[in-house]
C-alpha atoms as a PDB file:
ATOM      1  CA  MET A   1      -0.473 -68.134   1.526  1.00  0.00           C
ATOM      2  CA  LYS A   2      -3.739 -66.794   0.144  1.00  0.00           C
ATOM      3  CA  ASP A   3      -5.601 -67.916   3.286  1.00  0.00           C
ATOM      4  CA  PHE A   4      -2.976 -66.252   5.483  1.00  0.00           C
ATOM      5  CA  LEU A   5      -3.355 -62.938   3.643  1.00  0.00           C
ATOM      6  CA  GLN A   6      -7.155 -63.134   3.898  1.00  0.00           C
ATOM      7  CA  VAL A   7      -6.939 -63.714   7.641  1.00  0.00           C
ATOM      8  CA  PHE A   8      -4.363 -60.930   8.061  1.00  0.00           C
ATOM      9  CA  LEU A   9      -6.526 -58.440   6.161  1.00  0.00           C
ATOM     10  CA  ALA A  10      -9.617 -59.521   8.082  1.00  0.00           C
ATOM     11  CA  ILE A  11      -7.830 -58.935  11.385  1.00  0.00           C
ATOM     12  CA  CYS A  12      -6.641 -55.502  10.263  1.00  0.00           C
ATOM     13  CA  LEU A  13     -10.225 -54.572   9.372  1.00  0.00           C
ATOM     14  CA  ILE A  14     -11.589 -55.883  12.661  1.00  0.00           C
ATOM     15  CA  LYS A  15      -8.855 -54.173  14.646  1.00  0.00           C
ATOM     16  CA  SER A  16      -9.710 -50.902  12.943  1.00  0.00           C
ATOM     17  CA  ALA A  17     -13.396 -51.430  13.672  1.00  0.00           C
ATOM     18  CA  HIS A  18     -12.792 -52.057  17.378  1.00  0.00           C
ATOM     19  CA  THR A  19     -10.274 -49.363  18.275  1.00  0.00           C
ATOM     20  CA  ASN A  20     -12.821 -47.350  20.245  1.00  0.00           C
ATOM     21  CA  LEU A  21     -14.091 -50.146  22.476  1.00  0.00           C
ATOM     22  CA  LEU A  22     -14.337 -49.089  26.100  1.00  0.00           C
ATOM     23  CA  LYS A  23     -12.462 -50.254  29.170  1.00  0.00           C
ATOM     24  CA  ILE A  24     -13.822 -50.365  32.723  1.00  0.00           C
ATOM     25  CA  VAL A  25     -13.685 -46.975  34.425  1.00  0.00           C
ATOM     26  CA  GLY A  26     -11.924 -46.983  37.782  1.00  0.00           C
ATOM     27  CA  GLY A  27     -12.956 -49.665  40.226  1.00  0.00           C
ATOM     28  CA  GLU A  28     -11.216 -52.070  42.564  1.00  0.00           C
ATOM     29  CA  VAL A  29      -8.813 -54.918  41.929  1.00  0.00           C
ATOM     30  CA  ALA A  30     -10.417 -58.371  42.006  1.00  0.00           C
ATOM     31  CA  THR A  31      -9.055 -60.976  44.395  1.00  0.00           C
ATOM     32  CA  LYS A  32      -8.241 -64.589  43.615  1.00  0.00           C
ATOM     33  CA  GLY A  33     -11.367 -66.707  43.179  1.00  0.00           C
ATOM     34  CA  GLN A  34     -13.742 -63.722  43.288  1.00  0.00           C
ATOM     35  CA  PHE A  35     -15.151 -63.969  39.739  1.00  0.00           C
ATOM     36  CA  LEU A  36     -14.591 -67.530  38.569  1.00  0.00           C
ATOM     37  CA  PHE A  37     -17.131 -67.161  35.737  1.00  0.00           C
ATOM     38  CA  TYR A  38     -15.437 -64.210  34.017  1.00  0.00           C
ATOM     39  CA  VAL A  39     -14.031 -64.780  30.518  1.00  0.00           C
ATOM     40  CA  GLU A  40     -11.525 -62.750  28.524  1.00  0.00           C
ATOM     41  CA  LEU A  41     -11.998 -63.119  24.776  1.00  0.00           C
ATOM     42  CA  ARG A  42      -9.159 -62.498  22.329  1.00  0.00           C
ATOM     43  CA  VAL A  43      -9.171 -62.382  18.544  1.00  0.00           C
ATOM     44  CA  SER A  44      -5.585 -62.590  17.397  1.00  0.00           C
ATOM     45  CA  GLN A  45      -3.033 -63.110  14.670  1.00  0.00           C
ATOM     46  CA  SER A  46       0.274 -64.723  15.629  1.00  0.00           C
ATOM     47  CA  GLN A  47       1.422 -63.056  18.884  1.00  0.00           C
ATOM     48  CA  THR A  48      -0.444 -59.801  18.163  1.00  0.00           C
ATOM     49  CA  ILE A  49      -3.759 -59.188  19.889  1.00  0.00           C
ATOM     50  CA  ALA A  50      -6.193 -57.647  17.432  1.00  0.00           C
ATOM     51  CA  TYR A  51      -8.897 -56.842  19.992  1.00  0.00           C
ATOM     52  CA  ASN A  52     -10.420 -58.172  23.171  1.00  0.00           C
ATOM     53  CA  CYS A  53     -13.774 -58.354  24.929  1.00  0.00           C
ATOM     54  CA  GLY A  54     -15.253 -59.568  28.180  1.00  0.00           C
ATOM     55  CA  GLY A  55     -17.769 -62.344  28.671  1.00  0.00           C
ATOM     56  CA  THR A  56     -19.121 -64.936  31.082  1.00  0.00           C
ATOM     57  CA  LEU A  57     -19.361 -68.708  31.147  1.00  0.00           C
ATOM     58  CA  ILE A  58     -23.081 -69.586  31.228  1.00  0.00           C
ATOM     59  CA  HIS A  59     -22.630 -73.271  30.368  1.00  0.00           C
ATOM     60  CA  PRO A  60     -19.436 -75.378  30.306  1.00  0.00           C
ATOM     61  CA  LYS A  61     -19.346 -74.947  26.527  1.00  0.00           C
ATOM     62  CA  TRP A  62     -21.015 -71.529  26.044  1.00  0.00           C
ATOM     63  CA  ILE A  63     -20.015 -67.898  26.597  1.00  0.00           C
ATOM     64  CA  LEU A  64     -22.299 -64.850  26.807  1.00  0.00           C
ATOM     65  CA  SER A  65     -20.911 -61.590  25.393  1.00  0.00           C
ATOM     66  CA  ALA A  66     -21.770 -58.560  23.236  1.00  0.00           C
ATOM     67  CA  ALA A  67     -22.662 -58.844  19.545  1.00  0.00           C
ATOM     68  CA  GLN A  68     -20.175 -56.120  18.617  1.00  0.00           C
ATOM     69  CA  CYS A  69     -17.349 -58.398  19.758  1.00  0.00           C
ATOM     70  CA  PHE A  70     -18.077 -60.594  16.739  1.00  0.00           C
ATOM     71  CA  GLU A  71     -19.773 -58.265  14.266  1.00  0.00           C
ATOM     72  CA  ARG A  72     -19.415 -54.584  13.567  1.00  0.00           C
ATOM     73  CA  GLU A  73     -18.390 -53.126  10.227  1.00  0.00           C
ATOM     74  CA  HIS A  74     -17.104 -56.598   9.453  1.00  0.00           C
ATOM     75  CA  VAL A  75     -18.153 -60.057  10.586  1.00  0.00           C
ATOM     76  CA  THR A  76     -15.492 -62.139  12.292  1.00  0.00           C
ATOM     77  CA  PRO A  77     -14.599 -64.507   9.409  1.00  0.00           C
ATOM     78  CA  SER A  78     -15.412 -68.185   9.880  1.00  0.00           C
ATOM     79  CA  MET A  79     -11.811 -69.033   8.944  1.00  0.00           C
ATOM     80  CA  MET A  80     -10.654 -67.256  12.106  1.00  0.00           C
ATOM     81  CA  PHE A  81     -12.642 -69.729  14.191  1.00  0.00           C
ATOM     82  CA  ALA A  82     -11.296 -72.602  12.099  1.00  0.00           C
ATOM     83  CA  LEU A  83      -7.700 -71.426  12.651  1.00  0.00           C
ATOM     84  CA  ASP A  84      -8.195 -71.040  16.431  1.00  0.00           C
ATOM     85  CA  LEU A  85      -7.706 -67.268  16.322  1.00  0.00           C
ATOM     86  CA  VAL A  86     -10.680 -66.593  18.606  1.00  0.00           C
ATOM     87  CA  ARG A  87      -9.794 -67.663  22.145  1.00  0.00           C
ATOM     88  CA  ALA A  88     -11.344 -67.702  25.617  1.00  0.00           C
ATOM     89  CA  TYR A  89      -9.250 -67.333  28.786  1.00  0.00           C
ATOM     90  CA  MET A  90     -10.400 -68.366  32.275  1.00  0.00           C
ATOM     91  CA  GLY A  91      -9.038 -69.485  35.628  1.00  0.00           C
ATOM     92  CA  SER A  92      -7.187 -66.408  36.880  1.00  0.00           C
ATOM     93  CA  GLU A  93      -7.854 -63.017  38.452  1.00  0.00           C
ATOM     94  CA  LYS A  94      -5.107 -61.570  36.250  1.00  0.00           C
ATOM     95  CA  THR A  95      -5.530 -60.079  32.778  1.00  0.00           C
ATOM     96  CA  VAL A  96      -4.161 -61.804  29.698  1.00  0.00           C
ATOM     97  CA  GLN A  97      -0.650 -60.619  28.815  1.00  0.00           C
ATOM     98  CA  ASP A  98       0.069 -62.817  25.807  1.00  0.00           C
ATOM     99  CA  LEU A  99      -1.794 -65.347  23.684  1.00  0.00           C
ATOM    100  CA  ASN A 100      -0.355 -68.381  25.473  1.00  0.00           C
ATOM    101  CA  ASP A 101      -0.479 -66.918  28.986  1.00  0.00           C
ATOM    102  CA  ILE A 102       0.257 -69.799  31.394  1.00  0.00           C
ATOM    103  CA  ASN A 103      -1.908 -68.219  34.099  1.00  0.00           C
ATOM    104  CA  PHE A 104      -5.041 -69.199  32.173  1.00  0.00           C
ATOM    105  CA  ILE A 105      -6.950 -72.217  30.932  1.00  0.00           C
ATOM    106  CA  ILE A 106      -7.503 -71.525  27.226  1.00  0.00           C
ATOM    107  CA  ARG A 107     -10.298 -72.719  24.985  1.00  0.00           C
ATOM    108  CA  TYR A 108     -10.949 -71.995  21.302  1.00  0.00           C
ATOM    109  CA  VAL A 109     -14.242 -70.565  20.085  1.00  0.00           C
ATOM    110  CA  GLU A 110     -15.960 -72.668  17.430  1.00  0.00           C
ATOM    111  CA  LYS A 111     -18.701 -70.239  16.401  1.00  0.00           C
ATOM    112  CA  ALA A 112     -20.544 -67.117  17.563  1.00  0.00           C
ATOM    113  CA  TYR A 113     -24.290 -66.489  17.278  1.00  0.00           C
ATOM    114  CA  VAL A 114     -25.269 -62.821  17.096  1.00  0.00           C
ATOM    115  CA  HIS A 115     -28.829 -61.645  17.850  1.00  0.00           C
ATOM    116  CA  SER A 116     -30.820 -61.487  14.599  1.00  0.00           C
ATOM    117  CA  LYS A 117     -31.959 -57.921  15.393  1.00  0.00           C
ATOM    118  CA  TYR A 118     -28.480 -56.627  16.136  1.00  0.00           C
ATOM    119  CA  THR A 119     -27.854 -53.305  14.391  1.00  0.00           C
ATOM    120  CA  TYR A 120     -25.296 -50.555  14.783  1.00  0.00           C
ATOM    121  CA  ASP A 121     -24.636 -47.031  13.630  1.00  0.00           C
ATOM    122  CA  THR A 122     -21.247 -46.413  12.037  1.00  0.00           C
ATOM    123  CA  ASN A 123     -21.149 -43.022  13.784  1.00  0.00           C
ATOM    124  CA  ARG A 124     -17.743 -42.723  15.484  1.00  0.00           C
ATOM    125  CA  ASP A 125     -18.738 -40.042  18.004  1.00  0.00           C
ATOM    126  CA  VAL A 126     -16.187 -40.401  20.828  1.00  0.00           C
ATOM    127  CA  HIS A 127     -18.813 -39.235  23.330  1.00  0.00           C
ATOM    128  CA  SER A 128     -21.148 -42.152  22.658  1.00  0.00           C
ATOM    129  CA  PRO A 129     -19.268 -45.272  21.491  1.00  0.00           C
ATOM    130  CA  GLY A 130     -21.617 -48.230  21.571  1.00  0.00           C
ATOM    131  CA  ALA A 131     -24.648 -46.065  22.352  1.00  0.00           C
ATOM    132  CA  ARG A 132     -26.175 -46.760  18.948  1.00  0.00           C
ATOM    133  CA  HIS A 133     -25.842 -50.532  19.073  1.00  0.00           C
ATOM    134  CA  LEU A 134     -29.225 -52.271  19.351  1.00  0.00           C
ATOM    135  CA  TYR A 135     -29.763 -55.854  20.553  1.00  0.00           C
ATOM    136  CA  ASP A 136     -26.057 -55.985  21.322  1.00  0.00           C
ATOM    137  CA  ILE A 137     -25.842 -59.566  22.574  1.00  0.00           C
ATOM    138  CA  ALA A 138     -24.269 -62.814  21.376  1.00  0.00           C
ATOM    139  CA  VAL A 139     -23.404 -66.310  22.540  1.00  0.00           C
ATOM    140  CA  ALA A 140     -20.309 -68.254  21.491  1.00  0.00           C
ATOM    141  CA  VAL A 141     -19.807 -72.010  21.570  1.00  0.00           C
ATOM    142  CA  LEU A 142     -16.423 -73.494  22.458  1.00  0.00           C
ATOM    143  CA  LYS A 143     -14.718 -76.332  20.620  1.00  0.00           C
ATOM    144  CA  GLN A 144     -14.023 -78.003  23.955  1.00  0.00           C
ATOM    145  CA  PRO A 145     -15.989 -77.410  27.174  1.00  0.00           C
ATOM    146  CA  TYR A 146     -14.447 -76.085  30.354  1.00  0.00           C
ATOM    147  CA  GLN A 147     -14.265 -78.472  33.283  1.00  0.00           C
ATOM    148  CA  LEU A 148     -15.963 -76.841  36.255  1.00  0.00           C
ATOM    149  CA  ASN A 149     -13.767 -76.892  39.360  1.00  0.00           C
ATOM    150  CA  GLN A 150     -12.416 -74.620  42.110  1.00  0.00           C
ATOM    151  CA  TYR A 151     -11.012 -72.261  39.464  1.00  0.00           C
ATOM    152  CA  ILE A 152     -13.851 -72.164  36.924  1.00  0.00           C
ATOM    153  CA  LYS A 153     -17.598 -71.761  37.526  1.00  0.00           C
ATOM    154  CA  THR A 154     -20.662 -70.751  35.527  1.00  0.00           C
ATOM    155  CA  ILE A 155     -22.742 -67.639  36.268  1.00  0.00           C
ATOM    156  CA  LYS A 156     -26.460 -67.796  37.022  1.00  0.00           C
ATOM    157  CA  LEU A 157     -28.842 -65.987  34.678  1.00  0.00           C
ATOM    158  CA  PRO A 158     -32.122 -64.233  35.644  1.00  0.00           C
ATOM    159  CA  SER A 159     -35.234 -66.237  36.448  1.00  0.00           C
ATOM    160  CA  ALA A 160     -38.771 -65.497  37.629  1.00  0.00           C
ATOM    161  CA  GLU A 161     -37.486 -65.635  41.225  1.00  0.00           C
ATOM    162  CA  THR A 162     -34.844 -62.912  40.764  1.00  0.00           C
ATOM    163  CA  GLN A 163     -35.006 -59.225  39.901  1.00  0.00           C
ATOM    164  CA  LEU A 164     -32.662 -56.466  38.768  1.00  0.00           C
ATOM    165  CA  CYS A 165     -30.843 -54.789  41.653  1.00  0.00           C
ATOM    166  CA  SER A 166     -30.552 -51.011  41.924  1.00  0.00           C
ATOM    167  CA  LYS A 167     -26.865 -51.345  42.828  1.00  0.00           C
ATOM    168  CA  GLY A 168     -24.629 -53.947  41.228  1.00  0.00           C
ATOM    169  CA  ILE A 169     -21.136 -54.360  39.881  1.00  0.00           C
ATOM    170  CA  ILE A 170     -19.511 -54.341  36.458  1.00  0.00           C
ATOM    171  CA  ILE A 171     -16.406 -56.460  35.845  1.00  0.00           C
ATOM    172  CA  GLY A 172     -13.682 -55.955  33.284  1.00  0.00           C
ATOM    173  CA  SER A 173     -10.011 -56.296  32.448  1.00  0.00           C
ATOM    174  CA  GLY A 174      -9.461 -52.640  31.492  1.00  0.00           C
ATOM    175  CA  GLN A 175      -7.405 -50.041  33.347  1.00  0.00           C
ATOM    176  CA  VAL A 176      -8.518 -46.959  35.263  1.00  0.00           C
ATOM    177  CA  THR A 177      -9.281 -44.209  32.777  1.00  0.00           C
ATOM    178  CA  PHE A 178     -10.410 -41.302  34.934  1.00  0.00           C
ATOM    179  CA  LEU A 179      -8.873 -41.405  38.423  1.00  0.00           C
ATOM    180  CA  LEU A 180      -5.330 -41.555  37.131  1.00  0.00           C
ATOM    181  CA  GLU A 181      -3.925 -40.543  40.509  1.00  0.00           C
ATOM    182  CA  ASP A 182      -4.898 -44.030  41.692  1.00  0.00           C
ATOM    183  CA  PRO A 183      -1.551 -45.897  42.030  1.00  0.00           C
ATOM    184  CA  THR A 184      -3.150 -49.234  41.083  1.00  0.00           C
ATOM    185  CA  TYR A 185      -4.529 -48.095  37.719  1.00  0.00           C
ATOM    186  CA  LYS A 186      -1.884 -50.060  35.810  1.00  0.00           C
ATOM    187  CA  SER A 187      -2.715 -53.254  37.649  1.00  0.00           C
ATOM    188  CA  ARG A 188      -2.697 -56.375  35.509  1.00  0.00           C
ATOM    189  CA  GLN A 189      -5.711 -57.807  37.272  1.00  0.00           C
ATOM    190  CA  ILE A 190      -9.447 -57.930  36.665  1.00  0.00           C
ATOM    191  CA  ARG A 191     -11.227 -54.888  38.092  1.00  0.00           C
ATOM    192  CA  TYR A 192     -14.762 -54.278  39.257  1.00  0.00           C
ATOM    193  CA  ALA A 193     -16.803 -51.206  40.123  1.00  0.00           C
ATOM    194  CA  TYR A 194     -20.076 -50.655  41.995  1.00  0.00           C
ATOM    195  CA  LEU A 195     -22.707 -48.781  39.994  1.00  0.00           C
ATOM    196  CA  HIS A 196     -26.288 -47.628  40.589  1.00  0.00           C
ATOM    197  CA  ILE A 197     -28.948 -48.275  37.964  1.00  0.00           C
ATOM    198  CA  LYS A 198     -31.100 -45.302  36.952  1.00  0.00           C
ATOM    199  CA  PRO A 199     -34.378 -45.131  34.995  1.00  0.00           C
ATOM    200  CA  VAL A 200     -34.058 -43.260  31.698  1.00  0.00           C
ATOM    201  CA  ASN A 201     -36.213 -40.385  32.970  1.00  0.00           C
ATOM    202  CA  LYS A 202     -33.834 -39.902  35.930  1.00  0.00           C
ATOM    203  CA  LEU A 203     -30.647 -39.668  33.858  1.00  0.00           C
ATOM    204  CA  PHE A 204     -28.964 -36.262  33.556  1.00  0.00           C
ATOM    205  CA  GLY A 205     -28.576 -36.691  29.807  1.00  0.00           C
ATOM    206  CA  LYS A 206     -30.894 -38.764  27.636  1.00  0.00           C
ATOM    207  CA  PRO A 207     -29.479 -41.612  25.482  1.00  0.00           C
ATOM    208  CA  PRO A 208     -28.713 -40.712  21.821  1.00  0.00           C
ATOM    209  CA  VAL A 209     -31.129 -43.430  20.675  1.00  0.00           C
ATOM    210  CA  SER A 210     -33.942 -45.346  22.358  1.00  0.00           C
ATOM    211  CA  ARG A 211     -32.934 -48.860  23.443  1.00  0.00           C
ATOM    212  CA  GLU A 212     -35.863 -50.922  24.693  1.00  0.00           C
ATOM    213  CA  THR A 213     -33.690 -53.874  25.709  1.00  0.00           C
ATOM    214  CA  ALA A 214     -31.096 -51.848  27.627  1.00  0.00           C
ATOM    215  CA  PHE A 215     -30.696 -50.262  31.055  1.00  0.00           C
ATOM    216  CA  PHE A 216     -28.339 -47.527  32.252  1.00  0.00           C
ATOM    217  CA  SER A 217     -26.229 -46.307  35.139  1.00  0.00           C
ATOM    218  CA  GLU A 218     -24.668 -42.910  35.750  1.00  0.00           C
ATOM    219  CA  MET A 219     -21.394 -41.533  37.106  1.00  0.00           C
ATOM    220  CA  GLU A 220     -21.268 -37.818  37.847  1.00  0.00           C
ATOM    221  CA  ASN A 221     -18.496 -35.246  38.336  1.00  0.00           C
ATOM    222  CA  VAL A 222     -16.237 -36.809  35.715  1.00  0.00           C
ATOM    223  CA  LYS A 223     -13.680 -34.432  34.215  1.00  0.00           C
ATOM    224  CA  VAL A 224     -14.727 -33.190  30.782  1.00  0.00           C
ATOM    225  CA  SER A 225     -11.171 -33.790  29.559  1.00  0.00           C
ATOM    226  CA  ASP A 226     -11.686 -37.484  30.349  1.00  0.00           C
ATOM    227  CA  LEU A 227     -15.168 -37.832  28.871  1.00  0.00           C
ATOM    228  CA  GLY A 228     -15.086 -39.824  25.694  1.00  0.00           C
ATOM    229  CA  PHE A 229     -11.973 -41.797  26.561  1.00  0.00           C
ATOM    230  CA  GLY A 230     -12.295 -45.088  24.742  1.00  0.00           C
ATOM    231  CA  SER A 231     -10.038 -48.033  24.045  1.00  0.00           C
ATOM    232  CA  PHE A 232     -10.842 -51.612  23.244  1.00  0.00           C
ATOM    233  CA  GLY A 233     -11.383 -53.934  26.161  1.00  0.00           C
ATOM    234  CA  ASP A 234     -14.572 -54.601  28.043  1.00  0.00           C
ATOM    235  CA  GLN A 235     -17.639 -54.769  25.834  1.00  0.00           C
ATOM    236  CA  GLY A 236     -19.440 -57.968  26.708  1.00  0.00           C
ATOM    237  CA  SER A 237     -18.478 -57.842  30.390  1.00  0.00           C
ATOM    238  CA  PRO A 238     -21.220 -58.612  32.947  1.00  0.00           C
ATOM    239  CA  TYR A 239     -23.356 -56.436  35.197  1.00  0.00           C
ATOM    240  CA  LEU A 240     -24.016 -58.515  38.323  1.00  0.00           C
ATOM    241  CA  CYS A 241     -26.518 -58.512  41.166  1.00  0.00           C
ATOM    242  CA  ASP A 242     -25.831 -60.194  44.510  1.00  0.00           C
ATOM    243  CA  ILE A 243     -29.021 -62.056  45.494  1.00  0.00           C
ATOM    244  CA  GLY A 244     -27.597 -63.409  48.739  1.00  0.00           C
ATOM    245  CA  SER A 245     -26.985 -66.931  47.485  1.00  0.00           C
ATOM    246  CA  GLY A 246     -24.563 -65.730  44.824  1.00  0.00           C
ATOM    247  CA  TRP A 247     -24.193 -63.562  41.740  1.00  0.00           C
ATOM    248  CA  VAL A 248     -26.779 -63.305  38.959  1.00  0.00           C
ATOM    249  CA  GLN A 249     -25.895 -61.683  35.629  1.00  0.00           C
ATOM    250  CA  TYR A 250     -28.458 -59.084  34.600  1.00  0.00           C
ATOM    251  CA  GLY A 251     -26.530 -57.079  32.053  1.00  0.00           C
ATOM    252  CA  VAL A 252     -23.996 -57.220  29.224  1.00  0.00           C
ATOM    253  CA  PHE A 253     -21.862 -54.094  28.932  1.00  0.00           C
ATOM    254  CA  SER A 254     -22.445 -52.509  25.517  1.00  0.00           C
ATOM    255  CA  GLY A 255     -20.957 -49.006  25.589  1.00  0.00           C
ATOM    256  CA  TYR A 256     -21.582 -45.558  26.997  1.00  0.00           C
ATOM    257  CA  TYR A 257     -22.488 -41.974  26.255  1.00  0.00           C
ATOM    258  CA  THR A 258     -21.586 -38.745  28.038  1.00  0.00           C
ATOM    259  CA  SER A 259     -23.263 -35.456  28.864  1.00  0.00           C
ATOM    260  CA  SER A 260     -21.790 -32.187  30.117  1.00  0.00           C
ATOM    261  CA  LYS A 261     -22.711 -30.752  33.514  1.00  0.00           C
ATOM    262  CA  SER A 262     -20.473 -27.686  33.430  1.00  0.00           C
ATOM    263  CA  LYS A 263     -17.375 -26.396  31.683  1.00  0.00           C
ATOM    264  CA  ASN A 264     -15.100 -28.795  33.564  1.00  0.00           C
ATOM    265  CA  TYR A 265     -17.290 -31.715  34.660  1.00  0.00           C
ATOM    266  CA  GLY A 266     -19.897 -34.007  33.186  1.00  0.00           C
ATOM    267  CA  TYR A 267     -21.750 -37.329  33.416  1.00  0.00           C
ATOM    268  CA  PHE A 268     -20.691 -40.758  32.223  1.00  0.00           C
ATOM    269  CA  HIS A 269     -23.524 -43.182  31.334  1.00  0.00           C
ATOM    270  CA  PRO A 270     -22.654 -46.899  30.919  1.00  0.00           C
ATOM    271  CA  ILE A 271     -25.154 -48.936  28.859  1.00  0.00           C
ATOM    272  CA  TYR A 272     -26.054 -52.589  29.413  1.00  0.00           C
ATOM    273  CA  GLU A 273     -28.121 -55.030  27.405  1.00  0.00           C
ATOM    274  CA  SER A 274     -30.711 -56.553  29.735  1.00  0.00           C
ATOM    275  CA  VAL A 275     -30.081 -60.308  29.944  1.00  0.00           C
ATOM    276  CA  ASP A 276     -33.587 -61.149  31.161  1.00  0.00           C
ATOM    277  CA  LYS A 277     -35.033 -59.586  27.986  1.00  0.00           C
ATOM    278  CA  HIS A 278     -32.827 -61.834  25.861  1.00  0.00           C
ATOM    279  CA  MET A 279     -33.390 -65.179  27.581  1.00  0.00           C
ATOM    280  CA  GLY A 280     -35.404 -66.401  24.580  1.00  0.00           C
ATOM    281  CA  PHE A 281     -32.461 -65.739  22.260  1.00  0.00           C
ATOM    282  CA  ILE A 282     -29.989 -67.316  24.679  1.00  0.00           C
ATOM    283  CA  ARG A 283     -32.087 -70.450  25.197  1.00  0.00           C
ATOM    284  CA  SER A 284     -32.584 -70.827  21.435  1.00  0.00           C
ATOM    285  CA  HIS A 285     -28.863 -71.643  21.165  1.00  0.00           C
ATOM    286  CA  VAL A 286     -27.658 -72.723  24.606  1.00  0.00           C
ATOM    287  CA  PRO A 287     -29.045 -75.943  26.190  1.00  0.00           C
ATOM    288  CA  LEU A 288     -29.605 -74.224  29.520  1.00  0.00           C
ATOM    289  CA  GLN A 289     -32.584 -76.352  30.533  1.00  0.00           C
ATOM    290  CA  SER A 290     -30.663 -79.626  30.510  1.00  0.00           C
ATOM    291  CA  TYR A 291     -27.670 -77.949  32.136  1.00  0.00           C
ATOM    292  CA  ASP A 292     -29.855 -76.278  34.783  1.00  0.00           C
ATOM    293  CA  LYS A 293     -31.453 -79.652  35.559  1.00  0.00           C
ATOM    294  CA  HIS A 294     -28.012 -81.236  35.864  1.00  0.00           C
ATOM    295  CA  TRP A 295     -26.831 -78.335  38.037  1.00  0.00           C
ATOM    296  CA  ARG A 296     -29.876 -78.575  40.332  1.00  0.00           C
ATOM    297  CA  MET A 297     -29.409 -82.338  40.719  1.00  0.00           C
ATOM    298  CA  ARG A 298     -25.731 -81.814  41.468  1.00  0.00           C
ATOM    299  CA  GLU A 299     -26.504 -79.119  44.046  1.00  0.00           C
ATOM    300  CA  LYS A 300     -29.216 -81.307  45.589  1.00  0.00           C
ATOM    301  CA  HIS A 301     -26.753 -84.206  45.812  1.00  0.00           C
ATOM    302  CA  LYS A 302     -24.109 -81.909  47.303  1.00  0.00           C
ATOM    303  CA  TYR A 303     -26.458 -80.642  50.011  1.00  0.00           C
ATOM    304  CA  LYS A 304     -27.712 -84.184  50.656  1.00  0.00           C
ATOM    305  CA  GLN A 305     -24.131 -85.344  51.164  1.00  0.00           C
ATOM    306  CA  LYS A 306     -23.481 -82.359  53.415  1.00  0.00           C
ATOM    307  CA  ASP A 307     -26.591 -83.177  55.443  1.00  0.00           C
ATOM    308  CA  LEU A 308     -25.496 -86.820  55.767  1.00  0.00           C
ATOM    309  CA  ARG A 309     -22.031 -85.723  56.918  1.00  0.00           C
ATOM    310  CA  GLU A 310     -23.534 -83.393  59.506  1.00  0.00           C
ATOM    311  CA  LYS A 311     -25.843 -86.139  60.772  1.00  0.00           C
ATOM    312  CA  SER A 312     -22.933 -88.577  60.862  1.00  0.00           C
ATOM    313  CA  ASN A 313     -20.795 -86.121  62.821  1.00  0.00           C
ATOM    314  CA  SER A 314     -23.670 -85.479  65.200  1.00  0.00           C
ATOM    315  CA  MET A 315     -24.138 -89.223  65.730  1.00  0.00           C
ATOM    316  CA  ARG A 316     -20.414 -89.668  66.414  1.00  0.00           C
ATOM    317  CA  LYS A 317     -20.499 -86.911  69.005  1.00  0.00           C
ATOM    318  CA  ARG A 318     -23.489 -88.520  70.742  1.00  0.00           C
ATOM    319  CA  LEU A 319     -21.856 -91.956  70.716  1.00  0.00           C
ATOM    320  CA  SER A 320     -18.642 -90.479  72.080  1.00  0.00           C
ATOM    321  CA  PHE A 321     -20.582 -88.775  74.845  1.00  0.00           C
ATOM    322  CA  MET A 322     -22.445 -92.001  75.692  1.00  0.00           C
ATOM    323  CA  TYR A 323     -19.178 -93.961  75.705  1.00  0.00           C
ATOM    324  CA  LEU A 324     -17.546 -91.493  78.085  1.00  0.00           C
ATOM    325  CA  PHE A 325     -20.645 -91.491  80.260  1.00  0.00           C
ATOM    326  CA  ILE A 326     -20.656 -95.320  80.519  1.00  0.00           C
ATOM    327  CA  VAL A 327     -16.900 -95.444  81.200  1.00  0.00           C
ATOM    328  CA  ASN A 328     -17.310 -92.822  83.863  1.00  0.00           C
ATOM    329  CA  LEU A 329     -20.113 -94.831  85.533  1.00  0.00           C
ATOM    330  CA  TYR A 330     -17.991 -97.993  85.444  1.00  0.00           C
ATOM    331  CA  ILE A 331     -15.040 -96.225  87.074  1.00  0.00           C
ATOM    332  CA  MET A 332     -17.248 -94.811  89.800  1.00  0.00           C
END
């Protein structure tokens, strides 16, 4: 009973600490199989969802997300991991509706590792939630790995051969918050939005604090009455670049700040932790090298098998042609 009360109180504290987490603004509805690496994280008590975050599967047993999903005014207690109250949901383009949603493959989080330099300001300014979080990145290990298949994949992370795109997408499970005339805003599916990255010196309004490991985008002509809307949902979600051969995750959604343009309209500035600047931290916990080697060998084997099949098909076609040619000569 004592343990139950401790967990209940801890959840109440965490829920209170996360009530101004942001959801994805606007965007389009994701289709089936579009983002197989996206993870919804839930910290819960019984059938009540305390708060949720986004994340990505970067290894069959590891998830990349934001530090604030696990630590803010209060650290997510270790007993919550032990009691399976921190869960990961994958395998569907829908959003989680209840803790045992049959549309998803569920795994339990064993432990979360927050960046050692992670800091936050307790300022609750509704116009800049998350703007004062520094080194807002974390990785979480699962008790049981996901099996990669046609429903679940891992996302690629930046390397020396890739670079940040000027236009990418942000994914999340939140609802439309600004364009409320959009009839799909209550959709129970993952959403995504295209956003342009802007250098700090090109932003209409400067960030409240300097963040050397972050980058920014900007949305203009947002109604002032909507600026500052915040509800828990999508911190930890990915910013993705399409490099032609697939998606690469370059950012982790951390928060936003706003700036006024006129009496009625203003600017909305999403903030992302730069994944390539945190690869050292990620690799210090996640065995990416061995997994990458395994992945490359698997891809090499897959392409080798594909090449053999193509050669085999080509040989069959040639033999068929020769057979028909010989039969035709015999008949003549």
